[in-house]
Amino acid sequence: MSGDLLSSFVKRRMKLPASSRAIGLDQVPECLFPLLACRRALSLTISDTAVVVVTFFVGEILISRILYKLRLRDRPY
């Protein structure tokens, strides 16, 4: 939730419209913050964290486009 809050805060400061797309800003904090919070408990290395963030980033974009093509989303993001 903190990642989503941060990205929303930054997008408002950038004067982007509500629900606008900001590639990277929408995905990275949402994935990175929980990983950083749990890194010791899960024994995550920097490379583990990077792989998960990249996988989340790519997966979110791909899944969003698939859901749009299946008409389960109004927009492809």
N, C-alpha and C. Protein backbone atom coordinates (compact mmCIF):
# COMPACT_ATOMS: atom_id res chain seq x y z
N MET A 1 0.83 -1.19 0.00
CA MET A 1 0.00 0.00 0.00
C MET A 1 0.87 1.25 0.00
N SER A 2 2.01 1.18 0.66
CA SER A 2 2.87 2.36 0.69
C SER A 2 3.42 2.68 -0.70
N GLY A 3 3.72 1.65 -1.48
CA GLY A 3 4.19 1.87 -2.85
C GLY A 3 3.13 2.53 -3.71
N ASP A 4 1.91 2.08 -3.57
CA ASP A 4 0.80 2.68 -4.32
C ASP A 4 0.56 4.11 -3.87
N LEU A 5 0.65 4.34 -2.59
CA LEU A 5 0.49 5.69 -2.04
C LEU A 5 1.57 6.62 -2.58
N LEU A 6 2.81 6.16 -2.60
CA LEU A 6 3.91 6.98 -3.12
C LEU A 6 3.72 7.29 -4.60
N SER A 7 3.37 6.28 -5.38
CA SER A 7 3.21 6.52 -6.81
C SER A 7 2.04 7.48 -7.08
N SER A 8 0.96 7.36 -6.33
CA SER A 8 -0.17 8.29 -6.48
C SER A 8 0.24 9.70 -6.10
N PHE A 9 1.00 9.83 -5.04
CA PHE A 9 1.48 11.15 -4.59
C PHE A 9 2.34 11.80 -5.66
N VAL A 10 3.28 11.04 -6.22
CA VAL A 10 4.18 11.58 -7.25
C VAL A 10 3.40 11.94 -8.51
N LYS A 11 2.46 11.10 -8.90
CA LYS A 11 1.67 11.39 -10.10
C LYS A 11 0.83 12.66 -9.91
N ARG A 12 0.31 12.87 -8.71
CA ARG A 12 -0.44 14.11 -8.46
C ARG A 12 0.47 15.33 -8.57
N ARG A 13 1.70 15.20 -8.06
CA ARG A 13 2.65 16.31 -8.12
C ARG A 13 3.10 16.57 -9.56
N MET A 14 3.04 15.54 -10.41
CA MET A 14 3.38 15.69 -11.82
C MET A 14 2.17 16.18 -12.62
N LYS A 15 1.05 16.41 -11.91
CA LYS A 15 -0.20 16.90 -12.50
C LYS A 15 -0.75 15.96 -13.57
N LEU A 16 -0.58 14.66 -13.36
CA LEU A 16 -1.15 13.67 -14.27
C LEU A 16 -2.61 13.45 -13.89
N PRO A 17 -3.48 13.19 -14.87
CA PRO A 17 -4.90 12.95 -14.56
C PRO A 17 -5.09 11.68 -13.72
N ALA A 18 -6.20 11.61 -13.05
CA ALA A 18 -6.53 10.42 -12.25
C ALA A 18 -6.53 9.17 -13.13
N SER A 19 -6.02 8.11 -12.61
CA SER A 19 -5.92 6.81 -13.30
C SER A 19 -5.02 6.86 -14.53
N SER A 20 -4.14 7.84 -14.60
CA SER A 20 -3.23 7.90 -15.74
C SER A 20 -2.11 6.88 -15.56
N ARG A 21 -1.46 6.57 -16.66
CA ARG A 21 -0.42 5.56 -16.66
C ARG A 21 0.95 6.23 -16.57
N ALA A 22 1.77 5.72 -15.68
CA ALA A 22 3.15 6.17 -15.54
C ALA A 22 4.00 4.90 -15.44
N ILE A 23 4.50 4.46 -16.58
CA ILE A 23 5.25 3.19 -16.61
C ILE A 23 6.44 3.27 -15.67
N GLY A 24 6.60 2.25 -14.89
CA GLY A 24 7.66 2.19 -13.90
C GLY A 24 7.20 2.70 -12.56
N LEU A 25 6.66 3.90 -12.55
CA LEU A 25 6.16 4.48 -11.31
C LEU A 25 4.96 3.72 -10.78
N ASP A 26 4.17 3.15 -11.67
CA ASP A 26 3.01 2.38 -11.24
C ASP A 26 3.39 0.99 -10.73
N GLN A 27 4.45 0.41 -11.22
CA GLN A 27 4.79 -0.97 -10.90
C GLN A 27 5.89 -1.11 -9.86
N VAL A 28 6.96 -0.38 -10.02
CA VAL A 28 8.16 -0.62 -9.20
C VAL A 28 7.92 -0.41 -7.70
N PRO A 29 7.38 0.74 -7.25
CA PRO A 29 7.20 0.89 -5.80
C PRO A 29 6.27 -0.15 -5.19
N GLU A 30 5.23 -0.55 -5.93
CA GLU A 30 4.29 -1.54 -5.41
C GLU A 30 4.95 -2.88 -5.15
N CYS A 31 5.98 -3.17 -5.90
CA CYS A 31 6.68 -4.44 -5.73
C CYS A 31 7.91 -4.29 -4.83
N LEU A 32 8.63 -3.20 -5.00
CA LEU A 32 9.90 -3.01 -4.30
C LEU A 32 9.72 -2.82 -2.79
N PHE A 33 8.76 -2.01 -2.38
CA PHE A 33 8.61 -1.72 -0.95
C PHE A 33 8.34 -2.97 -0.12
N PRO A 34 7.39 -3.84 -0.53
CA PRO A 34 7.19 -5.06 0.26
C PRO A 34 8.44 -5.96 0.28
N LEU A 35 9.15 -6.01 -0.84
CA LEU A 35 10.37 -6.83 -0.87
C LEU A 35 11.42 -6.29 0.09
N LEU A 36 11.57 -4.98 0.12
CA LEU A 36 12.54 -4.38 1.05
C LEU A 36 12.13 -4.61 2.50
N ALA A 37 10.84 -4.56 2.77
CA ALA A 37 10.35 -4.78 4.13
C ALA A 37 10.56 -6.21 4.60
N CYS A 38 10.52 -7.15 3.66
CA CYS A 38 10.61 -8.58 4.01
C CYS A 38 11.96 -9.20 3.65
N ARG A 39 12.91 -8.41 3.22
CA ARG A 39 14.16 -9.00 2.70
C ARG A 39 14.91 -9.83 3.72
N ARG A 40 14.94 -9.44 4.95
CA ARG A 40 15.66 -10.24 5.96
C ARG A 40 14.90 -11.52 6.30
N ALA A 41 13.60 -11.41 6.45
CA ALA A 41 12.80 -12.58 6.79
C ALA A 41 12.84 -13.63 5.68
N LEU A 42 12.95 -13.17 4.43
CA LEU A 42 12.98 -14.09 3.28
C LEU A 42 14.39 -14.36 2.77
N SER A 43 15.39 -13.75 3.42
CA SER A 43 16.79 -13.89 3.01
C SER A 43 17.00 -13.54 1.54
N LEU A 44 16.47 -12.41 1.13
CA LEU A 44 16.56 -11.98 -0.25
C LEU A 44 17.86 -11.22 -0.51
N THR A 45 18.50 -11.53 -1.61
CA THR A 45 19.68 -10.79 -2.03
C THR A 45 19.24 -9.65 -2.95
N ILE A 46 20.17 -8.81 -3.31
CA ILE A 46 19.87 -7.72 -4.24
C ILE A 46 19.44 -8.29 -5.59
N SER A 47 20.09 -9.34 -6.02
CA SER A 47 19.72 -9.93 -7.32
C SER A 47 18.33 -10.58 -7.25
N ASP A 48 18.00 -11.22 -6.12
CA ASP A 48 16.65 -11.77 -5.95
C ASP A 48 15.60 -10.67 -6.06
N THR A 49 15.86 -9.58 -5.39
CA THR A 49 14.94 -8.44 -5.40
C THR A 49 14.79 -7.89 -6.82
N ALA A 50 15.90 -7.74 -7.53
CA ALA A 50 15.86 -7.21 -8.89
C ALA A 50 15.06 -8.12 -9.82
N VAL A 51 15.26 -9.44 -9.67
CA VAL A 51 14.53 -10.39 -10.53
C VAL A 51 13.03 -10.31 -10.26
N VAL A 52 12.64 -10.22 -9.02
CA VAL A 52 11.22 -10.15 -8.69
C VAL A 52 10.61 -8.84 -9.20
N VAL A 53 11.32 -7.73 -9.04
CA VAL A 53 10.81 -6.44 -9.51
C VAL A 53 10.64 -6.45 -11.03
N VAL A 54 11.63 -6.95 -11.75
CA VAL A 54 11.54 -7.00 -13.22
C VAL A 54 10.41 -7.94 -13.65
N THR A 55 10.30 -9.09 -12.99
CA THR A 55 9.23 -10.04 -13.31
C THR A 55 7.86 -9.42 -13.06
N PHE A 56 7.71 -8.74 -11.94
CA PHE A 56 6.44 -8.08 -11.63
C PHE A 56 6.12 -7.00 -12.65
N PHE A 57 7.13 -6.20 -13.01
CA PHE A 57 6.96 -5.12 -13.97
C PHE A 57 6.48 -5.64 -15.32
N VAL A 58 7.18 -6.62 -15.85
CA VAL A 58 6.82 -7.20 -17.16
C VAL A 58 5.48 -7.94 -17.07
N GLY A 59 5.30 -8.71 -16.02
CA GLY A 59 4.06 -9.47 -15.86
C GLY A 59 2.84 -8.59 -15.75
N GLU A 60 2.95 -7.50 -15.02
CA GLU A 60 1.80 -6.60 -14.86
C GLU A 60 1.40 -5.98 -16.19
N ILE A 61 2.38 -5.59 -16.98
CA ILE A 61 2.09 -4.99 -18.28
C ILE A 61 1.46 -6.02 -19.22
N LEU A 62 2.04 -7.21 -19.27
CA LEU A 62 1.50 -8.25 -20.15
C LEU A 62 0.11 -8.70 -19.75
N ILE A 63 -0.09 -8.95 -18.48
CA ILE A 63 -1.40 -9.41 -18.00
C ILE A 63 -2.45 -8.34 -18.22
N SER A 64 -2.09 -7.08 -18.01
CA SER A 64 -3.03 -5.99 -18.24
C SER A 64 -3.48 -5.94 -19.69
N ARG A 65 -2.55 -6.11 -20.61
CA ARG A 65 -2.91 -6.10 -22.04
C ARG A 65 -3.77 -7.31 -22.42
N ILE A 66 -3.47 -8.45 -21.84
CA ILE A 66 -4.27 -9.65 -22.12
C ILE A 66 -5.69 -9.45 -21.61
N LEU A 67 -5.83 -8.93 -20.40
CA LEU A 67 -7.16 -8.68 -19.84
C LEU A 67 -7.93 -7.66 -20.67
N TYR A 68 -7.24 -6.68 -21.23
CA TYR A 68 -7.89 -5.70 -22.10
C TYR A 68 -8.40 -6.37 -23.38
N LYS A 69 -7.59 -7.24 -23.96
CA LYS A 69 -8.00 -7.94 -25.18
C LYS A 69 -9.17 -8.89 -24.92
N LEU A 70 -9.24 -9.43 -23.71
CA LEU A 70 -10.36 -10.29 -23.34
C LEU A 70 -11.57 -9.48 -22.89
N ARG A 71 -11.46 -8.18 -22.97
CA ARG A 71 -12.52 -7.24 -22.58
C ARG A 71 -12.90 -7.33 -21.10
N LEU A 72 -11.90 -7.66 -20.29
CA LEU A 72 -12.11 -7.67 -18.85
C LEU A 72 -11.64 -6.37 -18.20
N ARG A 73 -10.95 -5.56 -19.00
CA ARG A 73 -10.51 -4.23 -18.56
C ARG A 73 -10.94 -3.21 -19.59
N ASP A 74 -11.20 -1.99 -19.11
CA ASP A 74 -11.61 -0.91 -20.00
C ASP A 74 -10.42 -0.30 -20.75
N ARG A 75 -9.26 -0.34 -20.13
CA ARG A 75 -8.06 0.23 -20.72
C ARG A 75 -6.93 -0.80 -20.68
N PRO A 76 -5.97 -0.70 -21.59
CA PRO A 76 -4.89 -1.69 -21.59
C PRO A 76 -3.82 -1.45 -20.53
N TYR A 77 -4.13 -0.71 -19.49
CA TYR A 77 -3.19 -0.51 -18.38
C TYR A 77 -3.90 -0.46 -17.08
